[in-house]
Amino acid sequence: MMILVLAGIFPLLLSFYPPLKFWRNIRPLIFSLTMLVLIFGTWDVFAAWRRHWYFNPQGVSGIKVINLPVEEWLFFIIVPFCCIFTWEALKFIKGRLK
Protein backbone atom coordinates (compact mmCIF):
# COMPACT_ATOMS: atom_id res chain seq x y z
CA MET A 1 0.00 0.00 0.00
CA MET A 2 2.93 2.32 0.69
CA ILE A 3 3.96 2.23 -2.98
CA LEU A 4 0.47 3.36 -4.03
CA VAL A 5 0.52 6.19 -1.51
CA LEU A 6 3.97 7.33 -2.62
CA ALA A 7 3.00 7.11 -6.29
CA GLY A 8 -0.15 9.14 -5.77
CA ILE A 9 0.83 11.80 -3.24
CA PHE A 10 3.04 13.89 -5.53
CA PRO A 11 0.52 14.17 -8.40
CA LEU A 12 -2.28 14.78 -5.90
CA LEU A 13 -0.42 17.66 -4.26
CA LEU A 14 0.61 19.15 -7.62
CA SER A 15 -2.96 18.95 -8.89
CA PHE A 16 -3.75 21.94 -6.63
CA TYR A 17 -1.13 24.12 -8.35
CA PRO A 18 -3.34 27.11 -9.29
CA PRO A 19 -2.07 27.87 -12.84
CA LEU A 20 -2.59 24.23 -13.84
CA LYS A 21 -6.32 24.41 -13.00
CA PHE A 22 -6.46 20.62 -12.95
CA TRP A 23 -9.62 20.55 -10.84
CA ARG A 24 -11.64 22.63 -13.29
CA ASN A 25 -12.55 19.37 -15.04
CA ILE A 26 -13.40 17.41 -11.91
CA ARG A 27 -16.59 15.87 -13.32
CA PRO A 28 -14.89 14.11 -16.27
CA LEU A 29 -12.14 12.96 -13.91
CA ILE A 30 -14.63 11.45 -11.47
CA PHE A 31 -16.60 9.88 -14.32
CA SER A 32 -13.45 8.33 -15.80
CA LEU A 33 -12.21 6.95 -12.49
CA THR A 34 -15.67 5.61 -11.63
CA MET A 35 -15.93 3.79 -14.95
CA LEU A 36 -12.48 2.28 -14.48
CA VAL A 37 -13.33 1.07 -10.99
CA LEU A 38 -16.65 -0.39 -12.14
CA ILE A 39 -15.27 -2.15 -15.21
CA PHE A 40 -11.97 -3.45 -13.89
CA GLY A 41 -13.24 -3.95 -10.34
CA THR A 42 -16.02 -6.19 -11.65
CA TRP A 43 -13.52 -8.02 -13.80
CA ASP A 44 -11.17 -8.55 -10.86
CA VAL A 45 -13.94 -9.65 -8.49
CA PHE A 46 -15.10 -12.20 -11.04
CA ALA A 47 -11.56 -13.41 -11.83
CA ALA A 48 -10.70 -13.81 -8.14
CA TRP A 49 -14.00 -15.57 -7.49
CA ARG A 50 -13.24 -17.98 -10.37
CA ARG A 51 -9.70 -18.38 -8.99
CA HIS A 52 -8.10 -17.21 -12.20
CA TRP A 53 -5.75 -15.37 -9.90
CA TYR A 54 -5.39 -14.59 -6.25
CA PHE A 55 -3.70 -12.10 -3.99
CA ASN A 56 -0.85 -13.28 -1.80
CA PRO A 57 -1.87 -12.56 1.81
CA GLN A 58 1.73 -11.64 2.64
CA GLY A 59 1.65 -8.81 0.08
CA VAL A 60 -1.63 -7.15 1.04
CA SER A 61 -3.06 -5.62 4.19
CA GLY A 62 -5.86 -8.13 4.64
CA ILE A 63 -8.58 -5.50 4.40
CA LYS A 64 -11.01 -6.60 1.71
CA VAL A 65 -13.86 -4.89 -0.13
CA ILE A 66 -16.10 -7.20 -2.16
CA ASN A 67 -13.50 -9.94 -1.75
CA LEU A 68 -10.65 -7.86 -3.22
CA PRO A 69 -7.83 -6.32 -1.18
CA VAL A 70 -8.19 -2.59 -0.63
CA GLU A 71 -4.85 -2.16 -2.42
CA GLU A 72 -6.40 -3.45 -5.63
CA TRP A 73 -9.25 -0.94 -5.43
CA LEU A 74 -6.79 1.87 -4.71
CA PHE A 75 -4.70 0.75 -7.69
CA PHE A 76 -7.73 1.33 -9.95
CA ILE A 77 -7.98 4.91 -8.67
CA ILE A 78 -4.41 6.05 -8.06
CA VAL A 79 -2.69 4.80 -11.21
CA PRO A 80 -5.28 6.23 -13.65
CA PHE A 81 -5.33 9.48 -11.65
CA CYS A 82 -1.55 9.74 -12.02
CA CYS A 83 -1.79 9.06 -15.76
CA ILE A 84 -4.54 11.65 -16.31
CA PHE A 85 -2.68 14.18 -14.18
CA THR A 86 0.55 13.59 -16.11
CA TRP A 87 -1.28 14.07 -19.42
CA GLU A 88 -2.86 17.34 -18.25
CA ALA A 89 0.43 18.59 -16.77
CA LEU A 90 2.26 17.91 -20.04
CA LYS A 91 -0.46 19.75 -21.99
CA PHE A 92 -0.05 22.67 -19.57
CA ILE A 93 3.73 22.71 -19.98
CA LYS A 94 3.46 22.48 -23.76
CA GLY A 95 1.07 25.46 -23.75
CA ARG A 96 3.49 27.49 -21.63
CA LEU A 97 6.41 26.75 -23.97
CA LYS A 98 4.66 28.22 -27.01
C-alpha atoms as a PDB file:
ATOM      1  CA  MET A   1       0.000   0.000   0.000  1.00  0.00           C
ATOM      2  CA  MET A   2       2.932   2.318   0.690  1.00  0.00           C
ATOM      3  CA  ILE A   3       3.964   2.228  -2.982  1.00  0.00           C
ATOM      4  CA  LEU A   4       0.472   3.356  -4.032  1.00  0.00           C
ATOM      5  CA  VAL A   5       0.522   6.194  -1.507  1.00  0.00           C
ATOM      6  CA  LEU A   6       3.970   7.326  -2.617  1.00  0.00           C
ATOM      7  CA  ALA A   7       3.000   7.114  -6.290  1.00  0.00           C
ATOM      8  CA  GLY A   8      -0.155   9.139  -5.768  1.00  0.00           C
ATOM      9  CA  ILE A   9       0.826  11.803  -3.240  1.00  0.00           C
ATOM     10  CA  PHE A  10       3.043  13.888  -5.527  1.00  0.00           C
ATOM     11  CA  PRO A  11       0.516  14.165  -8.402  1.00  0.00           C
ATOM     12  CA  LEU A  12      -2.283  14.785  -5.903  1.00  0.00           C
ATOM     13  CA  LEU A  13      -0.416  17.661  -4.262  1.00  0.00           C
ATOM     14  CA  LEU A  14       0.610  19.152  -7.619  1.00  0.00           C
ATOM     15  CA  SER A  15      -2.957  18.955  -8.885  1.00  0.00           C
ATOM     16  CA  PHE A  16      -3.747  21.937  -6.630  1.00  0.00           C
ATOM     17  CA  TYR A  17      -1.131  24.118  -8.350  1.00  0.00           C
ATOM     18  CA  PRO A  18      -3.341  27.109  -9.294  1.00  0.00           C
ATOM     19  CA  PRO A  19      -2.073  27.866 -12.836  1.00  0.00           C
ATOM     20  CA  LEU A  20      -2.585  24.230 -13.843  1.00  0.00           C
ATOM     21  CA  LYS A  21      -6.318  24.406 -13.003  1.00  0.00           C
ATOM     22  CA  PHE A  22      -6.457  20.615 -12.947  1.00  0.00           C
ATOM     23  CA  TRP A  23      -9.616  20.551 -10.838  1.00  0.00           C
ATOM     24  CA  ARG A  24     -11.643  22.631 -13.295  1.00  0.00           C
ATOM     25  CA  ASN A  25     -12.552  19.369 -15.041  1.00  0.00           C
ATOM     26  CA  ILE A  26     -13.404  17.415 -11.907  1.00  0.00           C
ATOM     27  CA  ARG A  27     -16.588  15.872 -13.316  1.00  0.00           C
ATOM     28  CA  PRO A  28     -14.891  14.110 -16.270  1.00  0.00           C
ATOM     29  CA  LEU A  29     -12.138  12.959 -13.909  1.00  0.00           C
ATOM     30  CA  ILE A  30     -14.628  11.450 -11.469  1.00  0.00           C
ATOM     31  CA  PHE A  31     -16.596   9.876 -14.317  1.00  0.00           C
ATOM     32  CA  SER A  32     -13.447   8.327 -15.802  1.00  0.00           C
ATOM     33  CA  LEU A  33     -12.209   6.951 -12.493  1.00  0.00           C
ATOM     34  CA  THR A  34     -15.670   5.608 -11.633  1.00  0.00           C
ATOM     35  CA  MET A  35     -15.935   3.793 -14.953  1.00  0.00           C
ATOM     36  CA  LEU A  36     -12.475   2.280 -14.476  1.00  0.00           C
ATOM     37  CA  VAL A  37     -13.332   1.069 -10.986  1.00  0.00           C
ATOM     38  CA  LEU A  38     -16.648  -0.391 -12.137  1.00  0.00           C
ATOM     39  CA  ILE A  39     -15.273  -2.154 -15.212  1.00  0.00           C
ATOM     40  CA  PHE A  40     -11.973  -3.452 -13.888  1.00  0.00           C
ATOM     41  CA  GLY A  41     -13.240  -3.946 -10.335  1.00  0.00           C
ATOM     42  CA  THR A  42     -16.016  -6.186 -11.645  1.00  0.00           C
ATOM     43  CA  TRP A  43     -13.519  -8.023 -13.802  1.00  0.00           C
ATOM     44  CA  ASP A  44     -11.168  -8.546 -10.856  1.00  0.00           C
ATOM     45  CA  VAL A  45     -13.944  -9.652  -8.492  1.00  0.00           C
ATOM     46  CA  PHE A  46     -15.100 -12.196 -11.038  1.00  0.00           C
ATOM     47  CA  ALA A  47     -11.559 -13.411 -11.829  1.00  0.00           C
ATOM     48  CA  ALA A  48     -10.700 -13.808  -8.139  1.00  0.00           C
ATOM     49  CA  TRP A  49     -13.998 -15.569  -7.495  1.00  0.00           C
ATOM     50  CA  ARG A  50     -13.244 -17.983 -10.369  1.00  0.00           C
ATOM     51  CA  ARG A  51      -9.702 -18.382  -8.985  1.00  0.00           C
ATOM     52  CA  HIS A  52      -8.098 -17.209 -12.196  1.00  0.00           C
ATOM     53  CA  TRP A  53      -5.754 -15.367  -9.902  1.00  0.00           C
ATOM     54  CA  TYR A  54      -5.386 -14.595  -6.253  1.00  0.00           C
ATOM     55  CA  PHE A  55      -3.703 -12.095  -3.990  1.00  0.00           C
ATOM     56  CA  ASN A  56      -0.851 -13.279  -1.799  1.00  0.00           C
ATOM     57  CA  PRO A  57      -1.875 -12.557   1.812  1.00  0.00           C
ATOM     58  CA  GLN A  58       1.728 -11.635   2.643  1.00  0.00           C
ATOM     59  CA  GLY A  59       1.648  -8.808   0.078  1.00  0.00           C
ATOM     60  CA  VAL A  60      -1.634  -7.149   1.040  1.00  0.00           C
ATOM     61  CA  SER A  61      -3.062  -5.618   4.187  1.00  0.00           C
ATOM     62  CA  GLY A  62      -5.857  -8.133   4.638  1.00  0.00           C
ATOM     63  CA  ILE A  63      -8.577  -5.503   4.401  1.00  0.00           C
ATOM     64  CA  LYS A  64     -11.008  -6.603   1.707  1.00  0.00           C
ATOM     65  CA  VAL A  65     -13.859  -4.893  -0.132  1.00  0.00           C
ATOM     66  CA  ILE A  66     -16.103  -7.199  -2.163  1.00  0.00           C
ATOM     67  CA  ASN A  67     -13.498  -9.945  -1.752  1.00  0.00           C
ATOM     68  CA  LEU A  68     -10.652  -7.858  -3.216  1.00  0.00           C
ATOM     69  CA  PRO A  69      -7.833  -6.316  -1.183  1.00  0.00           C
ATOM     70  CA  VAL A  70      -8.186  -2.587  -0.626  1.00  0.00           C
ATOM     71  CA  GLU A  71      -4.846  -2.160  -2.416  1.00  0.00           C
ATOM     72  CA  GLU A  72      -6.400  -3.453  -5.628  1.00  0.00           C
ATOM     73  CA  TRP A  73      -9.249  -0.941  -5.429  1.00  0.00           C
ATOM     74  CA  LEU A  74      -6.787   1.868  -4.710  1.00  0.00           C
ATOM     75  CA  PHE A  75      -4.695   0.753  -7.690  1.00  0.00           C
ATOM     76  CA  PHE A  76      -7.729   1.332  -9.947  1.00  0.00           C
ATOM     77  CA  ILE A  77      -7.981   4.909  -8.669  1.00  0.00           C
ATOM     78  CA  ILE A  78      -4.415   6.054  -8.056  1.00  0.00           C
ATOM     79  CA  VAL A  79      -2.687   4.800 -11.211  1.00  0.00           C
ATOM     80  CA  PRO A  80      -5.284   6.227 -13.646  1.00  0.00           C
ATOM     81  CA  PHE A  81      -5.328   9.481 -11.653  1.00  0.00           C
ATOM     82  CA  CYS A  82      -1.547   9.737 -12.017  1.00  0.00           C
ATOM     83  CA  CYS A  83      -1.791   9.060 -15.762  1.00  0.00           C
ATOM     84  CA  ILE A  84      -4.539  11.646 -16.306  1.00  0.00           C
ATOM     85  CA  PHE A  85      -2.683  14.182 -14.176  1.00  0.00           C
ATOM     86  CA  THR A  86       0.546  13.593 -16.106  1.00  0.00           C
ATOM     87  CA  TRP A  87      -1.280  14.068 -19.419  1.00  0.00           C
ATOM     88  CA  GLU A  88      -2.856  17.337 -18.253  1.00  0.00           C
ATOM     89  CA  ALA A  89       0.432  18.588 -16.773  1.00  0.00           C
ATOM     90  CA  LEU A  90       2.261  17.905 -20.045  1.00  0.00           C
ATOM     91  CA  LYS A  91      -0.455  19.754 -21.990  1.00  0.00           C
ATOM     92  CA  PHE A  92      -0.047  22.673 -19.569  1.00  0.00           C
ATOM     93  CA  ILE A  93       3.733  22.713 -19.978  1.00  0.00           C
ATOM     94  CA  LYS A  94       3.458  22.478 -23.765  1.00  0.00           C
ATOM     95  CA  GLY A  95       1.073  25.465 -23.749  1.00  0.00           C
ATOM     96  CA  ARG A  96       3.488  27.489 -21.633  1.00  0.00           C
ATOM     97  CA  LEU A  97       6.409  26.754 -23.966  1.00  0.00           C
ATOM     98  CA  LYS A  98       4.664  28.225 -27.012  1.00  0.00           C
END
